């Protein structure tokens, strides 16, 4: 058993001296690779965290902007509604006024036409009555009176 132990110790010492430099280089290289990978991962993580914060900020702003936009649109809608109502009221008032004026004009026209018709009918009735009641002698007297007046004027 001592022989086996001695062989093992010799093998371990030989392996130590033979593999010392390549193992040190391997582990140094591996350590550097891992450090570089960790450094890259930290940079990528920092960028992702920064982008995440920016996106969260945009989302927060987006909600506020959306609320502000909705508020603004509601206010503009109310203003437009008020303008439309005022415009409709003004138009309705104008239509009423124009209708009144047109009705007054039409009423005046109708009254004038009625007056002219009444005058025409009264004139015809008066003519017919005078014709019926006026005798030939009366006509001659009227004609003579008219002629005398005309002579005096000239």
N, C-alpha and C. Protein backbone atom coordinates (compact mmCIF):
# COMPACT_ATOMS: atom_id res chain seq x y z
N UNK A 1 0.79 -1.15 0.00
CA UNK A 1 0.00 0.00 0.00
C UNK A 1 0.87 1.26 0.00
N UNK A 2 1.96 1.24 0.57
CA UNK A 2 2.85 2.37 0.55
C UNK A 2 3.28 2.62 -0.89
N UNK A 3 3.47 1.57 -1.61
CA UNK A 3 3.87 1.70 -2.97
C UNK A 3 2.78 2.41 -3.77
N UNK A 4 1.60 2.08 -3.57
CA UNK A 4 0.50 2.71 -4.27
C UNK A 4 0.39 4.18 -3.88
N UNK A 5 0.60 4.45 -2.62
CA UNK A 5 0.53 5.83 -2.16
C UNK A 5 1.67 6.63 -2.73
N UNK A 6 2.85 6.01 -2.78
CA UNK A 6 4.00 6.68 -3.31
C UNK A 6 3.80 6.94 -4.80
N UNK A 7 3.29 6.00 -5.52
CA UNK A 7 3.00 6.17 -6.95
C UNK A 7 1.98 7.30 -7.14
N UNK A 8 1.03 7.35 -6.33
CA UNK A 8 0.01 8.40 -6.45
C UNK A 8 0.61 9.76 -6.20
N UNK A 9 1.48 9.88 -5.18
CA UNK A 9 2.12 11.15 -4.85
C UNK A 9 3.02 11.56 -6.00
N UNK A 10 3.77 10.64 -6.56
CA UNK A 10 4.66 10.95 -7.68
C UNK A 10 3.83 11.41 -8.87
N UNK A 11 2.79 10.69 -9.16
CA UNK A 11 1.90 11.06 -10.27
C UNK A 11 1.31 12.44 -10.03
N UNK A 12 0.91 12.74 -8.82
CA UNK A 12 0.31 14.03 -8.52
C UNK A 12 1.34 15.12 -8.68
N UNK A 13 2.59 14.91 -8.24
CA UNK A 13 3.64 15.91 -8.35
C UNK A 13 3.98 16.14 -9.82
N UNK A 14 4.12 15.07 -10.59
CA UNK A 14 4.43 15.19 -12.02
C UNK A 14 3.31 15.93 -12.71
N UNK A 15 2.09 15.54 -12.42
CA UNK A 15 0.94 16.21 -13.05
C UNK A 15 0.91 17.68 -12.64
N UNK A 16 1.25 17.94 -11.43
CA UNK A 16 1.25 19.32 -10.96
C UNK A 16 2.22 20.15 -11.77
N UNK A 17 3.48 19.66 -11.92
CA UNK A 17 4.48 20.43 -12.64
C UNK A 17 4.19 20.48 -14.14
N UNK A 18 3.66 19.43 -14.69
CA UNK A 18 3.37 19.39 -16.12
C UNK A 18 2.12 20.24 -16.44
N UNK A 19 1.12 20.15 -15.63
CA UNK A 19 -0.16 20.81 -15.93
C UNK A 19 -0.32 22.18 -15.27
N UNK A 20 0.68 22.57 -14.46
CA UNK A 20 0.58 23.80 -13.71
C UNK A 20 0.39 25.00 -14.66
N UNK A 21 1.26 25.16 -15.65
CA UNK A 21 1.19 26.29 -16.55
C UNK A 21 -0.05 26.23 -17.45
N UNK A 22 -0.33 25.10 -18.13
CA UNK A 22 -1.54 25.08 -18.98
C UNK A 22 -2.82 25.28 -18.18
N UNK A 23 -2.89 24.72 -16.98
CA UNK A 23 -4.10 24.90 -16.16
C UNK A 23 -4.24 26.35 -15.71
N UNK A 24 -3.11 26.95 -15.33
CA UNK A 24 -3.16 28.35 -14.91
C UNK A 24 -3.63 29.21 -16.09
N UNK A 25 -3.08 28.97 -17.29
CA UNK A 25 -3.49 29.73 -18.47
C UNK A 25 -4.97 29.48 -18.79
N UNK A 26 -5.38 28.20 -18.70
CA UNK A 26 -6.77 27.86 -18.99
C UNK A 26 -7.71 28.58 -18.03
N UNK A 27 -7.40 28.49 -16.75
CA UNK A 27 -8.28 29.11 -15.75
C UNK A 27 -8.22 30.65 -15.84
N UNK A 28 -7.04 31.20 -16.17
CA UNK A 28 -6.94 32.65 -16.34
C UNK A 28 -7.76 33.09 -17.54
N UNK A 29 -7.64 32.34 -18.63
CA UNK A 29 -8.42 32.63 -19.83
C UNK A 29 -9.91 32.48 -19.55
N UNK A 30 -10.23 31.42 -18.89
CA UNK A 30 -11.66 31.17 -18.56
C UNK A 30 -12.17 32.26 -17.64
N UNK A 31 -11.37 32.68 -16.66
CA UNK A 31 -11.77 33.74 -15.74
C UNK A 31 -11.97 35.05 -16.50
N UNK A 32 -11.04 35.35 -17.45
CA UNK A 32 -11.16 36.58 -18.23
C UNK A 32 -12.41 36.52 -19.10
N UNK A 33 -12.68 35.39 -19.71
CA UNK A 33 -13.87 35.22 -20.54
C UNK A 33 -15.13 35.41 -19.71
N UNK A 34 -15.13 34.83 -18.53
CA UNK A 34 -16.30 34.97 -17.65
C UNK A 34 -16.46 36.41 -17.21
N UNK A 35 -15.33 37.08 -16.84
CA UNK A 35 -15.41 38.50 -16.45
C UNK A 35 -15.96 39.35 -17.60
N UNK A 36 -15.45 39.07 -18.83
CA UNK A 36 -15.92 39.81 -20.01
C UNK A 36 -17.41 39.56 -20.24
N UNK A 37 -17.82 38.31 -20.11
CA UNK A 37 -19.24 37.98 -20.29
C UNK A 37 -20.09 38.66 -19.23
N UNK A 38 -19.61 38.68 -17.99
CA UNK A 38 -20.34 39.34 -16.90
C UNK A 38 -20.41 40.85 -17.16
N UNK A 39 -19.29 41.43 -17.61
CA UNK A 39 -19.26 42.86 -17.91
C UNK A 39 -20.25 43.18 -19.04
N UNK A 40 -20.22 42.37 -20.10
CA UNK A 40 -21.17 42.58 -21.21
C UNK A 40 -22.61 42.42 -20.73
N UNK A 41 -22.84 41.42 -19.90
CA UNK A 41 -24.19 41.19 -19.38
C UNK A 41 -24.64 42.37 -18.52
N UNK A 42 -23.71 42.93 -17.72
CA UNK A 42 -24.06 44.09 -16.90
C UNK A 42 -24.40 45.30 -17.78
N UNK A 43 -23.62 45.50 -18.87
CA UNK A 43 -23.92 46.60 -19.79
C UNK A 43 -25.29 46.41 -20.46
N UNK A 44 -25.51 45.19 -20.92
CA UNK A 44 -26.80 44.89 -21.57
C UNK A 44 -27.94 45.06 -20.58
N UNK A 45 -27.73 44.61 -19.35
CA UNK A 45 -28.75 44.77 -18.31
C UNK A 45 -29.01 46.25 -18.04
N UNK A 46 -27.94 47.05 -17.97
CA UNK A 46 -28.09 48.49 -17.71
C UNK A 46 -28.86 49.15 -18.86
N UNK A 47 -28.53 48.77 -20.11
CA UNK A 47 -29.26 49.31 -21.26
C UNK A 47 -30.73 48.90 -21.21
N UNK A 48 -30.97 47.63 -20.91
CA UNK A 48 -32.36 47.14 -20.86
C UNK A 48 -33.12 47.85 -19.74
N UNK A 49 -32.46 48.04 -18.59
CA UNK A 49 -33.11 48.73 -17.48
C UNK A 49 -33.41 50.18 -17.87
N UNK A 50 -32.46 50.82 -18.57
CA UNK A 50 -32.67 52.20 -19.02
C UNK A 50 -33.84 52.27 -20.00
N UNK A 51 -33.85 51.34 -20.96
CA UNK A 51 -34.96 51.29 -21.92
C UNK A 51 -36.28 50.99 -21.22
N UNK A 52 -36.22 50.10 -20.24
CA UNK A 52 -37.43 49.76 -19.49
C UNK A 52 -37.96 50.99 -18.76
N UNK A 53 -37.05 51.73 -18.13
CA UNK A 53 -37.46 52.96 -17.43
C UNK A 53 -38.04 53.98 -18.42
N UNK A 54 -37.39 54.10 -19.58
CA UNK A 54 -37.88 55.04 -20.59
C UNK A 54 -39.27 54.64 -21.08
N UNK A 55 -39.46 53.35 -21.32
CA UNK A 55 -40.77 52.87 -21.78
C UNK A 55 -41.82 53.09 -20.69
N UNK A 56 -41.45 52.80 -19.43
CA UNK A 56 -42.40 53.05 -18.33
C UNK A 56 -42.74 54.53 -18.22
N UNK A 57 -41.73 55.39 -18.39
CA UNK A 57 -41.97 56.83 -18.34
C UNK A 57 -42.90 57.25 -19.48
N UNK A 58 -42.64 56.71 -20.68
CA UNK A 58 -43.50 57.02 -21.83
C UNK A 58 -44.93 56.54 -21.57
N UNK A 59 -45.05 55.35 -21.00
CA UNK A 59 -46.39 54.84 -20.69
C UNK A 59 -47.10 55.73 -19.68
N UNK A 60 -46.36 56.16 -18.67
CA UNK A 60 -46.95 57.04 -17.67
C UNK A 60 -47.35 58.35 -18.33
N UNK A 61 -46.47 58.89 -19.17
CA UNK A 61 -46.78 60.12 -19.89
C UNK A 61 -47.93 59.91 -20.86
N UNK A 62 -47.95 58.73 -21.49
CA UNK A 62 -49.00 58.42 -22.45
C UNK A 62 -50.37 58.44 -21.78
N UNK A 63 -50.45 57.86 -20.60
CA UNK A 63 -51.71 57.87 -19.87
C UNK A 63 -52.11 59.30 -19.52
N UNK A 64 -51.14 60.09 -19.08
CA UNK A 64 -51.43 61.49 -18.74
C UNK A 64 -51.80 62.27 -20.00
N UNK A 65 -51.06 62.03 -21.09
CA UNK A 65 -51.36 62.71 -22.35
C UNK A 65 -52.74 62.31 -22.86
N UNK A 66 -53.07 61.02 -22.75
CA UNK A 66 -54.38 60.55 -23.20
C UNK A 66 -55.48 61.21 -22.38
N UNK A 67 -55.28 61.29 -21.08
CA UNK A 67 -56.27 61.94 -20.22
C UNK A 67 -56.41 63.41 -20.58
N UNK A 68 -55.27 64.07 -20.81
CA UNK A 68 -55.29 65.49 -21.20
C UNK A 68 -55.97 65.67 -22.55
N UNK A 69 -55.67 64.77 -23.50
CA UNK A 69 -56.28 64.84 -24.83
C UNK A 69 -57.78 64.64 -24.74
N UNK A 70 -58.21 63.69 -23.94
CA UNK A 70 -59.65 63.46 -23.76
C UNK A 70 -60.30 64.68 -23.15
N UNK A 71 -59.65 65.26 -22.14
CA UNK A 71 -60.18 66.46 -21.49
C UNK A 71 -60.28 67.60 -22.49
N UNK A 72 -59.23 67.80 -23.27
CA UNK A 72 -59.22 68.88 -24.27
C UNK A 72 -60.30 68.66 -25.31
N UNK A 73 -60.43 67.42 -25.78
CA UNK A 73 -61.45 67.12 -26.78
C UNK A 73 -62.85 67.33 -26.22
N UNK A 74 -63.05 66.97 -24.97
CA UNK A 74 -64.36 67.21 -24.36
C UNK A 74 -64.65 68.70 -24.28
N UNK A 75 -63.64 69.48 -23.87
CA UNK A 75 -63.83 70.92 -23.77
C UNK A 75 -64.12 71.52 -25.14
N UNK A 76 -63.36 71.09 -26.15
CA UNK A 76 -63.60 71.59 -27.51
C UNK A 76 -64.98 71.17 -27.99
N UNK A 77 -65.37 69.95 -27.65
CA UNK A 77 -66.70 69.46 -28.04
C UNK A 77 -67.79 70.30 -27.40
N UNK A 78 -67.61 70.63 -26.14
CA UNK A 78 -68.60 71.47 -25.45
C UNK A 78 -68.66 72.86 -26.07
N UNK A 79 -67.48 73.42 -26.38
CA UNK A 79 -67.46 74.74 -27.02
C UNK A 79 -68.15 74.69 -28.38
N UNK A 80 -67.86 73.65 -29.15
CA UNK A 80 -68.48 73.51 -30.47
C UNK A 80 -69.99 73.32 -30.32
N UNK A 81 -70.38 72.55 -29.33
CA UNK A 81 -71.80 72.33 -29.06
C UNK A 81 -72.48 73.66 -28.73
N UNK A 82 -71.82 74.45 -27.88
CA UNK A 82 -72.37 75.75 -27.50
C UNK A 82 -72.46 76.67 -28.72
N UNK A 83 -71.41 76.64 -29.55
CA UNK A 83 -71.44 77.47 -30.76
C UNK A 83 -72.57 77.04 -31.69
N UNK A 84 -72.74 75.73 -31.84
CA UNK A 84 -73.80 75.23 -32.72
C UNK A 84 -75.18 75.60 -32.18
N UNK A 85 -75.34 75.49 -30.87
CA UNK A 85 -76.62 75.84 -30.26
C UNK A 85 -76.89 77.33 -30.45
N UNK A 86 -75.87 78.16 -30.20
CA UNK A 86 -76.03 79.61 -30.39
C UNK A 86 -76.34 79.93 -31.85
N UNK A 87 -75.64 79.27 -32.74
CA UNK A 87 -75.87 79.49 -34.17
C UNK A 87 -77.29 79.07 -34.55
N UNK A 88 -77.73 77.94 -34.01
CA UNK A 88 -79.08 77.46 -34.31
C UNK A 88 -80.13 78.43 -33.74
N UNK A 89 -79.87 78.94 -32.55
CA UNK A 89 -80.81 79.90 -31.97
C UNK A 89 -80.87 81.17 -32.81
N UNK A 90 -79.70 81.66 -33.23
CA UNK A 90 -79.68 82.86 -34.05
C UNK A 90 -80.40 82.61 -35.38
N UNK A 91 -80.17 81.45 -35.96
CA UNK A 91 -80.83 81.11 -37.21
C UNK A 91 -82.34 81.00 -37.02
N UNK A 92 -82.75 80.39 -35.91
CA UNK A 92 -84.19 80.26 -35.62
C UNK A 92 -84.81 81.64 -35.44
N UNK A 93 -84.11 82.52 -34.73
CA UNK A 93 -84.61 83.89 -34.54
C UNK A 93 -84.71 84.61 -35.87
N UNK A 94 -83.71 84.45 -36.71
CA UNK A 94 -83.73 85.10 -38.03
C UNK A 94 -84.88 84.55 -38.86
N UNK A 95 -85.06 83.24 -38.82
CA UNK A 95 -86.17 82.64 -39.58
C UNK A 95 -87.50 83.16 -39.08
N UNK A 96 -87.66 83.27 -37.75
CA UNK A 96 -88.90 83.80 -37.19
C UNK A 96 -89.11 85.24 -37.65
N UNK A 97 -88.05 86.05 -37.55
CA UNK A 97 -88.17 87.45 -37.96
C UNK A 97 -88.50 87.56 -39.44
N UNK A 98 -87.80 86.78 -40.25
CA UNK A 98 -88.08 86.80 -41.69
C UNK A 98 -89.50 86.33 -41.98
N UNK A 99 -89.94 85.31 -41.25
CA UNK A 99 -91.30 84.82 -41.44
C UNK A 99 -92.32 85.89 -41.06
N UNK A 100 -92.06 86.60 -39.96
CA UNK A 100 -92.96 87.68 -39.55
C UNK A 100 -93.02 88.76 -40.62
N UNK A 101 -91.83 89.15 -41.12
CA UNK A 101 -91.78 90.19 -42.15
C UNK A 101 -92.51 89.74 -43.40
N UNK A 102 -92.26 88.50 -43.80
CA UNK A 102 -92.94 87.98 -45.00
C UNK A 102 -94.45 87.92 -44.78
N UNK A 103 -94.87 87.51 -43.59
CA UNK A 103 -96.30 87.45 -43.28
C UNK A 103 -96.89 88.85 -43.31
N UNK A 104 -96.17 89.84 -42.77
CA UNK A 104 -96.66 91.22 -42.78
C UNK A 104 -96.78 91.73 -44.21
N UNK A 105 -95.77 91.44 -45.03
CA UNK A 105 -95.81 91.87 -46.43
C UNK A 105 -96.98 91.20 -47.15
N UNK A 106 -97.12 89.91 -46.95
CA UNK A 106 -98.23 89.18 -47.60
C UNK A 106 -99.57 89.69 -47.10
N UNK A 107 -99.66 90.01 -45.81
CA UNK A 107 -100.90 90.54 -45.25
C UNK A 107 -101.21 91.90 -45.87
N UNK A 108 -100.19 92.76 -45.99
CA UNK A 108 -100.40 94.07 -46.63
C UNK A 108 -100.85 93.90 -48.07
N UNK A 109 -100.20 92.95 -48.77
CA UNK A 109 -100.58 92.68 -50.16
C UNK A 109 -102.03 92.23 -50.23
N UNK A 110 -102.38 91.29 -49.36
CA UNK A 110 -103.74 90.76 -49.36
C UNK A 110 -104.74 91.86 -49.03
N UNK A 111 -104.39 92.72 -48.05
CA UNK A 111 -105.29 93.83 -47.70
C UNK A 111 -105.46 94.78 -48.88
N UNK A 112 -104.33 95.08 -49.54
CA UNK A 112 -104.39 95.99 -50.69
C UNK A 112 -105.23 95.37 -51.80
N UNK A 113 -105.00 94.09 -52.07
CA UNK A 113 -105.79 93.41 -53.11
C UNK A 113 -107.26 93.40 -52.73
N UNK A 114 -107.54 93.14 -51.46
CA UNK A 114 -108.92 93.14 -50.99
C UNK A 114 -109.53 94.53 -51.11
N UNK A 115 -108.75 95.55 -50.75
CA UNK A 115 -109.22 96.93 -50.86
C UNK A 115 -109.51 97.28 -52.32
N UNK A 116 -108.57 96.90 -53.21
CA UNK A 116 -108.75 97.18 -54.64
C UNK A 116 -109.98 96.44 -55.18
N UNK A 117 -110.14 95.21 -54.76
CA UNK A 117 -111.31 94.44 -55.20
C UNK A 117 -112.59 95.09 -54.66
N UNK A 118 -112.56 95.48 -53.39
CA UNK A 118 -113.74 96.13 -52.80
C UNK A 118 -114.04 97.44 -53.51
N UNK A 119 -113.01 98.22 -53.83
CA UNK A 119 -113.21 99.48 -54.55
C UNK A 119 -113.80 99.21 -55.92
N UNK A 120 -113.24 98.18 -56.59
CA UNK A 120 -113.76 97.82 -57.92
C UNK A 120 -115.22 97.41 -57.86
N UNK A 121 -115.54 96.58 -56.89
CA UNK A 121 -116.94 96.13 -56.74
C UNK A 121 -117.84 97.30 -56.38
N UNK A 122 -117.37 98.16 -55.46
CA UNK A 122 -118.18 99.33 -55.06
C UNK A 122 -118.38 100.26 -56.25
N UNK A 123 -117.31 100.43 -57.06
CA UNK A 123 -117.42 101.29 -58.22
C UNK A 123 -118.44 100.73 -59.21
N UNK A 124 -118.34 99.42 -59.47
CA UNK A 124 -119.30 98.79 -60.39
C UNK A 124 -120.72 98.90 -59.86
N UNK A 125 -120.89 98.64 -58.57
CA UNK A 125 -122.22 98.75 -57.97
C UNK A 125 -122.75 100.18 -58.07
N UNK A 126 -121.86 101.14 -57.80
CA UNK A 126 -122.28 102.55 -57.88
C UNK A 126 -122.64 102.91 -59.31
N UNK A 127 -121.85 102.45 -60.27
CA UNK A 127 -122.15 102.73 -61.67
C UNK A 127 -123.49 102.14 -62.07
N UNK A 128 -123.69 100.90 -61.67
CA UNK A 128 -124.96 100.24 -62.01
C UNK A 128 -126.14 100.96 -61.36
N UNK A 129 -125.96 101.36 -60.13
CA UNK A 129 -127.05 102.04 -59.43
C UNK A 129 -127.33 103.39 -60.07
N UNK A 130 -126.24 104.10 -60.41
CA UNK A 130 -126.42 105.41 -61.04
C UNK A 130 -127.09 105.24 -62.39
N UNK A 131 -126.70 104.28 -63.14
CA UNK A 131 -127.31 104.03 -64.45
C UNK A 131 -128.80 103.73 -64.31
N UNK A 132 -129.09 102.95 -63.29
CA UNK A 132 -130.50 102.59 -63.09
C UNK A 132 -131.32 103.80 -62.64
N UNK A 133 -130.75 104.61 -61.77
CA UNK A 133 -131.51 105.71 -61.19
C UNK A 133 -131.38 107.01 -61.98
N UNK A 134 -130.35 107.14 -62.75
CA UNK A 134 -130.13 108.38 -63.48
C UNK A 134 -130.99 108.38 -64.75
N UNK A 135 -131.69 109.41 -64.90
CA UNK A 135 -132.58 109.53 -66.07
C UNK A 135 -131.84 110.32 -67.15
N UNK A 136 -132.41 110.38 -68.30
CA UNK A 136 -131.80 111.08 -69.41
C UNK A 136 -131.64 112.55 -69.09
N UNK A 137 -132.64 113.15 -68.46
CA UNK A 137 -132.57 114.58 -68.10
C UNK A 137 -131.41 114.83 -67.14
N UNK A 138 -131.29 113.97 -66.19
CA UNK A 138 -130.21 114.13 -65.21
C UNK A 138 -128.84 114.02 -65.89
N UNK A 139 -128.74 113.16 -66.86
CA UNK A 139 -127.48 112.99 -67.58
C UNK A 139 -127.13 114.26 -68.34
N UNK A 140 -128.12 114.78 -68.96
CA UNK A 140 -127.90 116.01 -69.73
C UNK A 140 -127.46 117.12 -68.79
N UNK A 141 -128.08 117.26 -67.64
CA UNK A 141 -127.70 118.29 -66.67
C UNK A 141 -126.26 118.09 -66.20
N UNK A 142 -125.89 116.86 -65.94
CA UNK A 142 -124.53 116.55 -65.51
C UNK A 142 -123.54 116.90 -66.61
N UNK A 143 -123.87 116.54 -67.81
CA UNK A 143 -122.98 116.85 -68.94
C UNK A 143 -122.82 118.35 -69.11
N UNK A 144 -123.89 119.08 -69.03
CA UNK A 144 -123.85 120.54 -69.18
C UNK A 144 -123.03 121.14 -68.04
N UNK A 145 -123.25 120.69 -66.84
CA UNK A 145 -122.49 121.17 -65.69
C UNK A 145 -121.00 120.89 -65.87
N UNK A 146 -120.67 119.74 -66.38
CA UNK A 146 -119.27 119.37 -66.62
C UNK A 146 -118.66 120.27 -67.68
N UNK A 147 -119.41 120.49 -68.75
CA UNK A 147 -118.92 121.33 -69.84
C UNK A 147 -118.72 122.75 -69.34
N UNK A 148 -119.64 123.29 -68.53
CA UNK A 148 -119.50 124.64 -67.98
C UNK A 148 -118.24 124.73 -67.11
N UNK A 149 -118.02 123.80 -66.31
CA UNK A 149 -116.84 123.80 -65.46
C UNK A 149 -115.57 123.77 -66.29
N UNK A 150 -115.56 122.99 -67.34
CA UNK A 150 -114.40 122.89 -68.20
C UNK A 150 -114.13 124.23 -68.89
N UNK A 151 -115.21 124.92 -69.28
CA UNK A 151 -115.05 126.22 -69.94
C UNK A 151 -114.48 127.24 -68.98
N UNK A 152 -114.92 127.20 -67.75
CA UNK A 152 -114.43 128.16 -66.77
C UNK A 152 -112.95 127.94 -66.47
N UNK A 153 -112.53 126.71 -66.50
CA UNK A 153 -111.14 126.39 -66.22
C UNK A 153 -110.23 126.90 -67.33
N UNK A 154 -110.78 126.92 -68.58
CA UNK A 154 -109.94 127.33 -69.70
C UNK A 154 -110.24 128.72 -70.02
